Structure formats: C-alpha cells, structure tokens
C-alpha cells in the first residue's frame, strides 16, 4: 500500500486547492465540504504511508 499512498496526498492537495478557490469566490458551504474531504484524504495518506507491521 505504501507505493500507492501518494495518491491520497495528491487528492488532499487538490481538495485543499478547491477549498481555497471556493473561498475566493465566496462559496463557503462548498469550501467547508472540500476542506473536510481534504482532511479525510490527509488522514488516509498518513495512515497508508506508514510502514505496516507484520
């Protein structure tokens, strides 16, 4: 899983960018939702990028 964990980091960055753009255009509800999704992707990235114990 560690080899594909980068996709979670990219998703988090894209959703963060989406939140910033929506804040710029004053779409606060969509920006809050995008930020929550970005946090979820960030947590998934942190989980999957750790070495798995066997």
PDB file of N, CA and C in Angstrom:
ATOM      1  N   UNK A   1       0.815  -1.205   0.000  1.00  0.00           N
ATOM      2  CA  UNK A   1       0.000   0.000   0.000  1.00  0.00           C
ATOM      3  C   UNK A   1       0.856   1.266   0.000  1.00  0.00           C
ATOM      4  N   UNK A   2       2.080   1.171   0.527  1.00  0.00           N
ATOM      5  CA  UNK A   2       2.900   2.376   0.615  1.00  0.00           C
ATOM      6  C   UNK A   2       3.257   2.916  -0.758  1.00  0.00           C
ATOM      7  N   UNK A   3       3.327   2.048  -1.759  1.00  0.00           N
ATOM      8  CA  UNK A   3       3.675   2.503  -3.103  1.00  0.00           C
ATOM      9  C   UNK A   3       2.589   3.373  -3.718  1.00  0.00           C
ATOM     10  N   UNK A   4       1.350   3.174  -3.323  1.00  0.00           N
ATOM     11  CA  UNK A   4       0.249   3.945  -3.884  1.00  0.00           C
ATOM     12  C   UNK A   4      -0.309   4.973  -2.903  1.00  0.00           C
ATOM     13  N   UNK A   5       0.355   5.193  -1.802  1.00  0.00           N
ATOM     14  CA  UNK A   5      -0.131   6.158  -0.814  1.00  0.00           C
ATOM     15  C   UNK A   5      -0.043   7.588  -1.318  1.00  0.00           C
ATOM     16  N   UNK A   6       0.805   7.841  -2.302  1.00  0.00           N
ATOM     17  CA  UNK A   6       0.961   9.202  -2.819  1.00  0.00           C
ATOM     18  C   UNK A   6      -0.336   9.750  -3.396  1.00  0.00           C
ATOM     19  N   UNK A   7      -1.207   8.872  -3.885  1.00  0.00           N
ATOM     20  CA  UNK A   7      -2.445   9.350  -4.490  1.00  0.00           C
ATOM     21  C   UNK A   7      -3.339  10.027  -3.443  1.00  0.00           C
ATOM     22  N   UNK A   8      -3.260   9.602  -2.197  1.00  0.00           N
ATOM     23  CA  UNK A   8      -4.021  10.247  -1.125  1.00  0.00           C
ATOM     24  C   UNK A   8      -3.492  11.654  -0.877  1.00  0.00           C
ATOM     25  N   UNK A   9      -2.160  11.835  -0.940  1.00  0.00           N
ATOM     26  CA  UNK A   9      -1.569  13.161  -0.746  1.00  0.00           C
ATOM     27  C   UNK A   9      -1.966  14.095  -1.890  1.00  0.00           C
ATOM     28  N   UNK A  10      -1.969  13.588  -3.111  1.00  0.00           N
ATOM     29  CA  UNK A  10      -2.373  14.402  -4.257  1.00  0.00           C
ATOM     30  C   UNK A  10      -3.845  14.793  -4.137  1.00  0.00           C
ATOM     31  N   UNK A  11      -4.675  13.850  -3.739  1.00  0.00           N
ATOM     32  CA  UNK A  11      -6.097  14.150  -3.543  1.00  0.00           C
ATOM     33  C   UNK A  11      -6.308  15.207  -2.480  1.00  0.00           C
ATOM     34  N   UNK A  12      -5.555  15.123  -1.407  1.00  0.00           N
ATOM     35  CA  UNK A  12      -5.656  16.121  -0.349  1.00  0.00           C
ATOM     36  C   UNK A  12      -5.260  17.501  -0.855  1.00  0.00           C
ATOM     37  N   UNK A  13      -4.207  17.568  -1.645  1.00  0.00           N
ATOM     38  CA  UNK A  13      -3.763  18.852  -2.192  1.00  0.00           C
ATOM     39  C   UNK A  13      -4.804  19.438  -3.151  1.00  0.00           C
ATOM     40  N   UNK A  14      -5.392  18.585  -3.980  1.00  0.00           N
ATOM     41  CA  UNK A  14      -6.396  19.061  -4.941  1.00  0.00           C
ATOM     42  C   UNK A  14      -7.642  19.565  -4.219  1.00  0.00           C
ATOM     43  N   UNK A  15      -8.097  18.846  -3.209  1.00  0.00           N
ATOM     44  CA  UNK A  15      -9.270  19.287  -2.464  1.00  0.00           C
ATOM     45  C   UNK A  15      -8.988  20.553  -1.667  1.00  0.00           C
ATOM     46  N   UNK A  16      -7.759  20.710  -1.178  1.00  0.00           N
ATOM     47  CA  UNK A  16      -7.393  21.946  -0.485  1.00  0.00           C
ATOM     48  C   UNK A  16      -7.423  23.119  -1.461  1.00  0.00           C
ATOM     49  N   UNK A  17      -6.887  22.913  -2.659  1.00  0.00           N
ATOM     50  CA  UNK A  17      -6.935  23.949  -3.688  1.00  0.00           C
ATOM     51  C   UNK A  17      -8.381  24.307  -4.024  1.00  0.00           C
ATOM     52  N   UNK A  18      -9.242  23.308  -4.132  1.00  0.00           N
ATOM     53  CA  UNK A  18     -10.657  23.546  -4.408  1.00  0.00           C
ATOM     54  C   UNK A  18     -11.289  24.384  -3.302  1.00  0.00           C
ATOM     55  N   UNK A  19     -10.942  24.102  -2.057  1.00  0.00           N
ATOM     56  CA  UNK A  19     -11.480  24.878  -0.935  1.00  0.00           C
ATOM     57  C   UNK A  19     -11.024  26.336  -1.013  1.00  0.00           C
ATOM     58  N   UNK A  20      -9.760  26.553  -1.359  1.00  0.00           N
ATOM     59  CA  UNK A  20      -9.248  27.923  -1.462  1.00  0.00           C
ATOM     60  C   UNK A  20      -9.950  28.687  -2.584  1.00  0.00           C
ATOM     61  N   UNK A  21     -10.132  28.039  -3.719  1.00  0.00           N
ATOM     62  CA  UNK A  21     -10.818  28.686  -4.845  1.00  0.00           C
ATOM     63  C   UNK A  21     -12.250  29.034  -4.466  1.00  0.00           C
ATOM     64  N   UNK A  22     -12.931  28.127  -3.785  1.00  0.00           N
ATOM     65  CA  UNK A  22     -14.313  28.399  -3.405  1.00  0.00           C
ATOM     66  C   UNK A  22     -14.416  29.481  -2.341  1.00  0.00           C
ATOM     67  N   UNK A  23     -13.436  29.575  -1.463  1.00  0.00           N
ATOM     68  CA  UNK A  23     -13.428  30.691  -0.521  1.00  0.00           C
ATOM     69  C   UNK A  23     -13.219  32.013  -1.255  1.00  0.00           C
ATOM     70  N   UNK A  24     -12.383  32.011  -2.272  1.00  0.00           N
ATOM     71  CA  UNK A  24     -12.140  33.217  -3.059  1.00  0.00           C
ATOM     72  C   UNK A  24     -13.424  33.703  -3.734  1.00  0.00           C
ATOM     73  N   UNK A  25     -14.224  32.754  -4.219  1.00  0.00           N
ATOM     74  CA  UNK A  25     -15.478  33.106  -4.881  1.00  0.00           C
ATOM     75  C   UNK A  25     -16.675  33.137  -3.923  1.00  0.00           C
ATOM     76  N   UNK A  26     -16.408  33.126  -2.635  1.00  0.00           N
ATOM     77  CA  UNK A  26     -17.427  33.268  -1.584  1.00  0.00           C
ATOM     78  C   UNK A  26     -18.479  32.159  -1.594  1.00  0.00           C
ATOM     79  N   UNK A  27     -18.055  30.939  -1.904  1.00  0.00           N
ATOM     80  CA  UNK A  27     -18.935  29.771  -1.816  1.00  0.00           C
ATOM     81  C   UNK A  27     -18.552  28.991  -0.563  1.00  0.00           C
ATOM     82  N   UNK A  28     -18.909  29.541   0.588  1.00  0.00           N
ATOM     83  CA  UNK A  28     -18.457  28.991   1.856  1.00  0.00           C
ATOM     84  C   UNK A  28     -18.902  27.551   2.119  1.00  0.00           C
ATOM     85  N   UNK A  29     -20.167  27.178   1.866  1.00  0.00           N
ATOM     86  CA  UNK A  29     -20.561  25.782   2.139  1.00  0.00           C
ATOM     87  C   UNK A  29     -19.741  24.768   1.337  1.00  0.00           C
ATOM     88  N   UNK A  30     -19.504  25.075   0.067  1.00  0.00           N
ATOM     89  CA  UNK A  30     -18.714  24.152  -0.749  1.00  0.00           C
ATOM     90  C   UNK A  30     -17.265  24.133  -0.271  1.00  0.00           C
ATOM     91  N   UNK A  31     -16.748  25.274   0.152  1.00  0.00           N
ATOM     92  CA  UNK A  31     -15.374  25.341   0.646  1.00  0.00           C
ATOM     93  C   UNK A  31     -15.214  24.511   1.924  1.00  0.00           C
ATOM     94  N   UNK A  32     -16.192  24.573   2.807  1.00  0.00           N
ATOM     95  CA  UNK A  32     -16.127  23.779   4.043  1.00  0.00           C
ATOM     96  C   UNK A  32     -16.164  22.283   3.730  1.00  0.00           C
ATOM     97  N   UNK A  33     -17.014  21.901   2.805  1.00  0.00           N
ATOM     98  CA  UNK A  33     -17.100  20.492   2.417  1.00  0.00           C
ATOM     99  C   UNK A  33     -15.789  20.030   1.779  1.00  0.00           C
ATOM    100  N   UNK A  34     -15.230  20.850   0.894  1.00  0.00           N
ATOM    101  CA  UNK A  34     -13.965  20.497   0.254  1.00  0.00           C
ATOM    102  C   UNK A  34     -12.849  20.374   1.287  1.00  0.00           C
ATOM    103  N   UNK A  35     -12.852  21.237   2.291  1.00  0.00           N
ATOM    104  CA  UNK A  35     -11.836  21.161   3.335  1.00  0.00           C
ATOM    105  C   UNK A  35     -11.987  19.886   4.164  1.00  0.00           C
ATOM    106  N   UNK A  36     -13.203  19.477   4.440  1.00  0.00           N
ATOM    107  CA  UNK A  36     -13.417  18.230   5.188  1.00  0.00           C
ATOM    108  C   UNK A  36     -12.946  17.026   4.369  1.00  0.00           C
ATOM    109  N   UNK A  37     -13.200  17.035   3.071  1.00  0.00           N
ATOM    110  CA  UNK A  37     -12.732  15.947   2.219  1.00  0.00           C
ATOM    111  C   UNK A  37     -11.206  15.950   2.165  1.00  0.00           C
ATOM    112  N   UNK A  38     -10.590  17.144   2.115  1.00  0.00           N
ATOM    113  CA  UNK A  38      -9.131  17.247   2.098  1.00  0.00           C
ATOM    114  C   UNK A  38      -8.534  16.692   3.383  1.00  0.00           C
ATOM    115  N   UNK A  39      -9.166  16.960   4.507  1.00  0.00           N
ATOM    116  CA  UNK A  39      -8.697  16.421   5.785  1.00  0.00           C
ATOM    117  C   UNK A  39      -8.812  14.900   5.788  1.00  0.00           C
ATOM    118  N   UNK A  40      -9.918  14.389   5.258  1.00  0.00           N
ATOM    119  CA  UNK A  40     -10.104  12.937   5.181  1.00  0.00           C
ATOM    120  C   UNK A  40      -9.019  12.290   4.322  1.00  0.00           C
ATOM    121  N   UNK A  41      -8.722  12.893   3.181  1.00  0.00           N
ATOM    122  CA  UNK A  41      -7.657  12.377   2.321  1.00  0.00           C
ATOM    123  C   UNK A  41      -6.305  12.468   3.022  1.00  0.00           C
ATOM    124  N   UNK A  42      -6.076  13.538   3.770  1.00  0.00           N
ATOM    125  CA  UNK A  42      -4.816  13.682   4.503  1.00  0.00           C
ATOM    126  C   UNK A  42      -4.639  12.624   5.569  1.00  0.00           C
ATOM    127  N   UNK A  43      -5.710  12.319   6.270  1.00  0.00           N
ATOM    128  CA  UNK A  43      -5.655  11.261   7.283  1.00  0.00           C
ATOM    129  C   UNK A  43      -5.408   9.905   6.629  1.00  0.00           C
ATOM    130  N   UNK A  44      -6.063   9.653   5.507  1.00  0.00           N
ATOM    131  CA  UNK A  44      -5.846   8.391   4.787  1.00  0.00           C
ATOM    132  C   UNK A  44      -4.404   8.296   4.311  1.00  0.00           C
ATOM    133  N   UNK A  45      -3.838   9.394   3.822  1.00  0.00           N
ATOM    134  CA  UNK A  45      -2.444   9.398   3.392  1.00  0.00           C
ATOM    135  C   UNK A  45      -1.510   9.099   4.563  1.00  0.00           C
ATOM    136  N   UNK A  46      -1.773   9.721   5.714  1.00  0.00           N
ATOM    137  CA  UNK A  46      -0.934   9.479   6.892  1.00  0.00           C
ATOM    138  C   UNK A  46      -1.015   8.014   7.322  1.00  0.00           C
ATOM    139  N   UNK A  47      -2.198   7.428   7.226  1.00  0.00           N
ATOM    140  CA  UNK A  47      -2.370   6.029   7.624  1.00  0.00           C
ATOM    141  C   UNK A  47      -1.675   5.080   6.652  1.00  0.00           C
ATOM    142  N   UNK A  48      -1.889   5.275   5.368  1.00  0.00           N
ATOM    143  CA  UNK A  48      -1.357   4.334   4.380  1.00  0.00           C
ATOM    144  C   UNK A  48       0.127   4.521   4.074  1.00  0.00           C
ATOM    145  N   UNK A  49       0.697   5.667   4.444  1.00  0.00           N
ATOM    146  CA  UNK A  49       2.117   5.877   4.176  1.00  0.00           C
ATOM    147  C   UNK A  49       3.007   5.318   5.281  1.00  0.00           C
ATOM    148  N   UNK A  50       2.420   4.931   6.411  1.00  0.00           N
ATOM    149  CA  UNK A  50       3.192   4.332   7.495  1.00  0.00           C
ATOM    150  C   UNK A  50       3.623   2.925   7.123  1.00  0.00           C
ATOM    151  N   UNK A  51       4.793   2.491   7.606  1.00  0.00           N
ATOM    152  CA  UNK A  51       5.177   1.096   7.403  1.00  0.00           C
ATOM    153  C   UNK A  51       4.203   0.161   8.133  1.00  0.00           C
ATOM    154  N   UNK A  52       3.784  -0.873   7.462  1.00  0.00           N
ATOM    155  CA  UNK A  52       2.850  -1.821   8.063  1.00  0.00           C
ATOM    156  C   UNK A  52       3.625  -2.841   8.883  1.00  0.00           C
ATOM    157  N   UNK A  53       3.196  -3.063  10.120  1.00  0.00           N
ATOM    158  CA  UNK A  53       3.854  -4.070  10.951  1.00  0.00           C
ATOM    159  C   UNK A  53       3.296  -5.442  10.598  1.00  0.00           C
ATOM    160  N   UNK A  54       4.153  -6.424  10.631  1.00  0.00           N
ATOM    161  CA  UNK A  54       3.719  -7.787  10.274  1.00  0.00           C
ATOM    162  C   UNK A  54       3.858  -8.702  11.436  1.00  0.00           C
TER     163      UNK A  54
END
